[in-house]
Amino acid sequence: MNLGPTELIIILVIVLIVFGAGRLPQVFSSLGKGVKEFREASEGNDTTDVSKTTTTTTTTPVATTPVVTPPVATTPVVTAPTTTTTVSTTTTPDDKIAG
């Protein structure tokens, strides 16, 4: 199975459509890292560097006073009543369009 330049261009166009131009560097970077890790694992060169760092922090509890907000007086909102006017028109056969 040999991929020619035409097939590679078609594959790249499909990848561009699926992932978009903004994410292409991230996609290819992840793909490259995955291929590199696969090659290293298949050759038996598993050089994954795992280092543990433990950090101990001590905190002293601080007494806090609760913040009390006074109630806010609210006034009711009064809206003016709305009226609806319905206008109906009828036409008769005697009405003519001026033209």
N, C-alpha and C. Protein backbone atom coordinates (compact mmCIF):
# COMPACT_ATOMS: atom_id res chain seq x y z
N MET A 1 0.86 -1.17 0.00
CA MET A 1 0.00 0.00 0.00
C MET A 1 0.89 1.23 0.00
N ASN A 2 0.87 1.95 -1.08
CA ASN A 2 1.72 3.10 -1.25
C ASN A 2 0.85 4.34 -1.42
N LEU A 3 1.08 5.34 -0.57
CA LEU A 3 0.30 6.58 -0.65
C LEU A 3 1.03 7.58 -1.52
N GLY A 4 0.35 8.05 -2.52
CA GLY A 4 0.92 9.06 -3.40
C GLY A 4 0.59 10.46 -2.90
N PRO A 5 1.08 11.47 -3.58
CA PRO A 5 0.82 12.86 -3.14
C PRO A 5 -0.66 13.23 -3.23
N THR A 6 -1.38 12.68 -4.18
CA THR A 6 -2.81 12.99 -4.30
C THR A 6 -3.58 12.47 -3.09
N GLU A 7 -3.29 11.25 -2.68
CA GLU A 7 -3.98 10.67 -1.52
C GLU A 7 -3.64 11.44 -0.25
N LEU A 8 -2.38 11.84 -0.10
CA LEU A 8 -1.98 12.61 1.08
C LEU A 8 -2.68 13.96 1.14
N ILE A 9 -2.83 14.60 0.00
CA ILE A 9 -3.52 15.90 -0.03
C ILE A 9 -4.99 15.72 0.33
N ILE A 10 -5.62 14.68 -0.17
CA ILE A 10 -7.03 14.42 0.17
C ILE A 10 -7.18 14.17 1.66
N ILE A 11 -6.28 13.39 2.23
CA ILE A 11 -6.33 13.11 3.68
C ILE A 11 -6.14 14.39 4.48
N LEU A 12 -5.19 15.24 4.07
CA LEU A 12 -4.96 16.50 4.79
C LEU A 12 -6.16 17.44 4.69
N VAL A 13 -6.83 17.47 3.55
CA VAL A 13 -8.03 18.31 3.40
C VAL A 13 -9.13 17.81 4.32
N ILE A 14 -9.31 16.50 4.41
CA ILE A 14 -10.34 15.94 5.29
C ILE A 14 -10.02 16.25 6.75
N VAL A 15 -8.75 16.13 7.13
CA VAL A 15 -8.35 16.45 8.50
C VAL A 15 -8.58 17.93 8.79
N LEU A 16 -8.28 18.79 7.82
CA LEU A 16 -8.51 20.22 7.99
C LEU A 16 -9.98 20.53 8.18
N ILE A 17 -10.84 19.85 7.43
CA ILE A 17 -12.28 20.08 7.57
C ILE A 17 -12.77 19.59 8.93
N VAL A 18 -12.30 18.45 9.37
CA VAL A 18 -12.79 17.87 10.63
C VAL A 18 -12.31 18.66 11.84
N PHE A 19 -11.03 19.00 11.89
CA PHE A 19 -10.48 19.62 13.09
C PHE A 19 -10.39 21.13 13.00
N GLY A 20 -10.38 21.72 11.85
CA GLY A 20 -10.26 23.16 11.71
C GLY A 20 -8.80 23.58 11.72
N ALA A 21 -8.55 24.76 11.18
CA ALA A 21 -7.17 25.24 11.04
C ALA A 21 -6.55 25.59 12.39
N GLY A 22 -7.33 26.01 13.34
CA GLY A 22 -6.79 26.43 14.64
C GLY A 22 -6.27 25.27 15.47
N ARG A 23 -6.84 24.09 15.31
CA ARG A 23 -6.45 22.95 16.14
C ARG A 23 -5.46 22.02 15.45
N LEU A 24 -5.13 22.27 14.20
CA LEU A 24 -4.21 21.38 13.48
C LEU A 24 -2.86 21.23 14.17
N PRO A 25 -2.22 22.31 14.65
CA PRO A 25 -0.94 22.11 15.33
C PRO A 25 -1.05 21.21 16.56
N GLN A 26 -2.14 21.34 17.31
CA GLN A 26 -2.34 20.49 18.49
C GLN A 26 -2.55 19.04 18.08
N VAL A 27 -3.32 18.82 17.03
CA VAL A 27 -3.62 17.46 16.57
C VAL A 27 -2.35 16.76 16.10
N PHE A 28 -1.56 17.45 15.27
CA PHE A 28 -0.35 16.82 14.75
C PHE A 28 0.71 16.66 15.83
N SER A 29 0.75 17.56 16.79
CA SER A 29 1.69 17.41 17.91
C SER A 29 1.33 16.17 18.73
N SER A 30 0.05 16.01 19.03
CA SER A 30 -0.40 14.82 19.77
C SER A 30 -0.14 13.55 18.97
N LEU A 31 -0.37 13.60 17.68
CA LEU A 31 -0.13 12.45 16.82
C LEU A 31 1.35 12.08 16.81
N GLY A 32 2.22 13.08 16.71
CA GLY A 32 3.66 12.83 16.72
C GLY A 32 4.14 12.23 18.03
N LYS A 33 3.62 12.75 19.14
CA LYS A 33 3.99 12.21 20.46
C LYS A 33 3.52 10.76 20.59
N GLY A 34 2.33 10.49 20.10
CA GLY A 34 1.79 9.13 20.18
C GLY A 34 2.62 8.15 19.37
N VAL A 35 3.02 8.56 18.15
CA VAL A 35 3.84 7.69 17.31
C VAL A 35 5.20 7.46 17.97
N LYS A 36 5.78 8.52 18.55
CA LYS A 36 7.08 8.40 19.21
C LYS A 36 6.99 7.43 20.40
N GLU A 37 5.94 7.58 21.22
CA GLU A 37 5.77 6.69 22.37
C GLU A 37 5.53 5.25 21.92
N PHE A 38 4.79 5.07 20.83
CA PHE A 38 4.54 3.73 20.32
C PHE A 38 5.84 3.07 19.85
N ARG A 39 6.66 3.82 19.13
CA ARG A 39 7.94 3.27 18.66
C ARG A 39 8.84 2.90 19.83
N GLU A 40 8.91 3.79 20.83
CA GLU A 40 9.76 3.50 21.98
C GLU A 40 9.26 2.27 22.74
N ALA A 41 7.95 2.15 22.88
CA ALA A 41 7.40 1.01 23.61
C ALA A 41 7.59 -0.29 22.81
N SER A 42 7.48 -0.22 21.49
CA SER A 42 7.64 -1.44 20.69
C SER A 42 9.10 -1.89 20.64
N GLU A 43 10.03 -0.96 20.79
CA GLU A 43 11.45 -1.31 20.81
C GLU A 43 11.92 -1.72 22.20
N GLY A 44 11.10 -1.48 23.20
CA GLY A 44 11.46 -1.84 24.56
C GLY A 44 12.20 -0.73 25.28
N ASN A 45 12.24 0.43 24.71
CA ASN A 45 12.91 1.58 25.33
C ASN A 45 11.89 2.43 26.07
N ASP A 46 11.27 1.86 27.06
CA ASP A 46 10.27 2.60 27.82
C ASP A 46 11.00 3.51 28.80
N THR A 47 11.18 4.76 28.39
CA THR A 47 11.93 5.72 29.22
C THR A 47 11.00 6.78 29.78
N THR A 48 9.84 6.36 30.20
CA THR A 48 8.91 7.31 30.78
C THR A 48 9.45 7.78 32.11
N ASP A 49 9.66 9.08 32.22
CA ASP A 49 10.23 9.67 33.42
C ASP A 49 9.10 10.11 34.34
N VAL A 50 8.96 9.40 35.42
CA VAL A 50 7.93 9.75 36.40
C VAL A 50 8.65 10.16 37.67
N SER A 51 8.50 11.40 38.02
CA SER A 51 9.12 11.87 39.26
C SER A 51 8.01 12.38 40.16
N LYS A 52 8.12 12.00 41.41
CA LYS A 52 7.10 12.41 42.38
C LYS A 52 7.66 13.55 43.22
N THR A 53 6.86 14.54 43.38
CA THR A 53 7.22 15.66 44.23
C THR A 53 6.09 15.82 45.23
N THR A 54 6.46 15.74 46.49
CA THR A 54 5.44 15.92 47.51
C THR A 54 5.69 17.25 48.20
N THR A 55 4.65 17.97 48.39
CA THR A 55 4.74 19.27 49.05
C THR A 55 3.80 19.24 50.23
N THR A 56 4.32 19.61 51.36
CA THR A 56 3.51 19.65 52.57
C THR A 56 3.31 21.11 52.95
N THR A 57 2.07 21.47 53.11
CA THR A 57 1.76 22.82 53.54
C THR A 57 0.94 22.75 54.80
N THR A 58 1.22 23.66 55.67
CA THR A 58 0.45 23.73 56.91
C THR A 58 -0.33 25.04 56.91
N THR A 59 -1.54 24.93 57.32
CA THR A 59 -2.37 26.13 57.39
C THR A 59 -2.86 26.30 58.81
N THR A 60 -2.92 27.52 59.21
CA THR A 60 -3.43 27.85 60.52
C THR A 60 -4.82 28.44 60.34
N PRO A 61 -5.82 27.87 61.02
CA PRO A 61 -7.16 28.41 60.85
C PRO A 61 -7.25 29.83 61.40
N VAL A 62 -7.91 30.66 60.68
CA VAL A 62 -8.08 32.05 61.07
C VAL A 62 -9.55 32.26 61.39
N ALA A 63 -9.80 32.91 62.52
CA ALA A 63 -11.19 33.18 62.90
C ALA A 63 -11.74 34.27 61.98
N THR A 64 -12.91 34.00 61.45
CA THR A 64 -13.53 34.98 60.56
C THR A 64 -14.86 35.40 61.14
N THR A 65 -15.19 36.62 60.91
CA THR A 65 -16.49 37.11 61.34
C THR A 65 -17.42 37.07 60.13
N PRO A 66 -18.62 36.57 60.35
CA PRO A 66 -19.53 36.51 59.21
C PRO A 66 -19.97 37.90 58.77
N VAL A 67 -20.11 38.05 57.49
CA VAL A 67 -20.55 39.32 56.93
C VAL A 67 -22.07 39.28 56.84
N VAL A 68 -22.69 40.25 57.48
CA VAL A 68 -24.15 40.32 57.49
C VAL A 68 -24.56 41.52 56.66
N THR A 69 -25.38 41.26 55.66
CA THR A 69 -25.88 42.36 54.84
C THR A 69 -27.28 42.71 55.29
N PRO A 70 -27.56 43.99 55.46
CA PRO A 70 -28.90 44.38 55.90
C PRO A 70 -29.92 44.13 54.79
N PRO A 71 -31.15 43.84 55.18
CA PRO A 71 -32.17 43.61 54.16
C PRO A 71 -32.45 44.89 53.37
N VAL A 72 -32.73 44.74 52.12
CA VAL A 72 -33.00 45.87 51.26
C VAL A 72 -34.51 45.99 51.10
N ALA A 73 -35.02 47.20 51.34
CA ALA A 73 -36.45 47.42 51.18
C ALA A 73 -36.77 47.47 49.69
N THR A 74 -37.78 46.73 49.32
CA THR A 74 -38.17 46.74 47.91
C THR A 74 -39.54 47.36 47.77
N THR A 75 -39.72 48.04 46.69
CA THR A 75 -41.02 48.64 46.41
C THR A 75 -41.66 47.85 45.29
N PRO A 76 -42.95 47.63 45.38
CA PRO A 76 -43.60 46.87 44.32
C PRO A 76 -43.59 47.64 43.00
N VAL A 77 -43.46 46.95 41.93
CA VAL A 77 -43.45 47.57 40.61
C VAL A 77 -44.88 47.59 40.11
N VAL A 78 -45.35 48.79 39.77
CA VAL A 78 -46.71 48.95 39.28
C VAL A 78 -46.63 49.26 37.79
N THR A 79 -47.36 48.50 37.03
CA THR A 79 -47.39 48.75 35.59
C THR A 79 -48.76 49.24 35.19
N ALA A 80 -48.77 50.08 34.22
CA ALA A 80 -50.03 50.64 33.75
C ALA A 80 -50.76 49.59 32.93
N PRO A 81 -52.08 49.52 33.06
CA PRO A 81 -52.82 48.54 32.26
C PRO A 81 -52.74 48.89 30.78
N THR A 82 -52.71 47.88 29.97
CA THR A 82 -52.65 48.11 28.53
C THR A 82 -54.02 47.88 27.92
N THR A 83 -54.28 48.64 26.90
CA THR A 83 -55.56 48.47 26.20
C THR A 83 -55.28 48.02 24.78
N THR A 84 -56.15 47.21 24.27
CA THR A 84 -56.01 46.71 22.91
C THR A 84 -57.19 47.20 22.10
N THR A 85 -56.88 47.79 20.97
CA THR A 85 -57.93 48.28 20.09
C THR A 85 -57.92 47.42 18.84
N THR A 86 -59.10 46.90 18.51
CA THR A 86 -59.22 46.07 17.33
C THR A 86 -59.97 46.84 16.26
N VAL A 87 -59.38 46.90 15.09
CA VAL A 87 -60.01 47.60 13.97
C VAL A 87 -60.27 46.56 12.90
N SER A 88 -61.52 46.52 12.47
CA SER A 88 -61.85 45.58 11.41
C SER A 88 -62.35 46.35 10.20
N THR A 89 -61.91 45.89 9.06
CA THR A 89 -62.36 46.55 7.84
C THR A 89 -63.00 45.51 6.94
N THR A 90 -63.96 45.95 6.22
CA THR A 90 -64.62 45.05 5.27
C THR A 90 -64.59 45.70 3.91
N THR A 91 -64.54 44.92 2.91
CA THR A 91 -64.55 45.46 1.54
C THR A 91 -65.80 44.96 0.84
N THR A 92 -66.28 45.75 -0.02
CA THR A 92 -67.45 45.39 -0.80
C THR A 92 -67.04 45.27 -2.26
N PRO A 93 -67.84 44.62 -3.02
CA PRO A 93 -67.47 44.52 -4.46
C PRO A 93 -67.44 45.87 -5.17
N ASP A 94 -68.04 46.90 -4.55
CA ASP A 94 -68.05 48.22 -5.17
C ASP A 94 -66.70 48.93 -5.00
N ASP A 95 -65.89 48.48 -4.03
CA ASP A 95 -64.58 49.12 -3.81
C ASP A 95 -63.66 48.78 -4.97
N LYS A 96 -63.01 49.80 -5.47
CA LYS A 96 -62.12 49.57 -6.59
C LYS A 96 -60.73 50.09 -6.19
N ILE A 97 -59.75 49.45 -6.72
CA ILE A 97 -58.38 49.88 -6.45
C ILE A 97 -58.04 50.98 -7.46
N ALA A 98 -57.58 52.10 -6.89
CA ALA A 98 -57.23 53.21 -7.78
C ALA A 98 -55.91 52.88 -8.46
N GLY A 99 -55.86 53.05 -9.69
CA GLY A 99 -54.65 52.64 -10.36
C GLY A 99 -54.26 53.52 -11.40
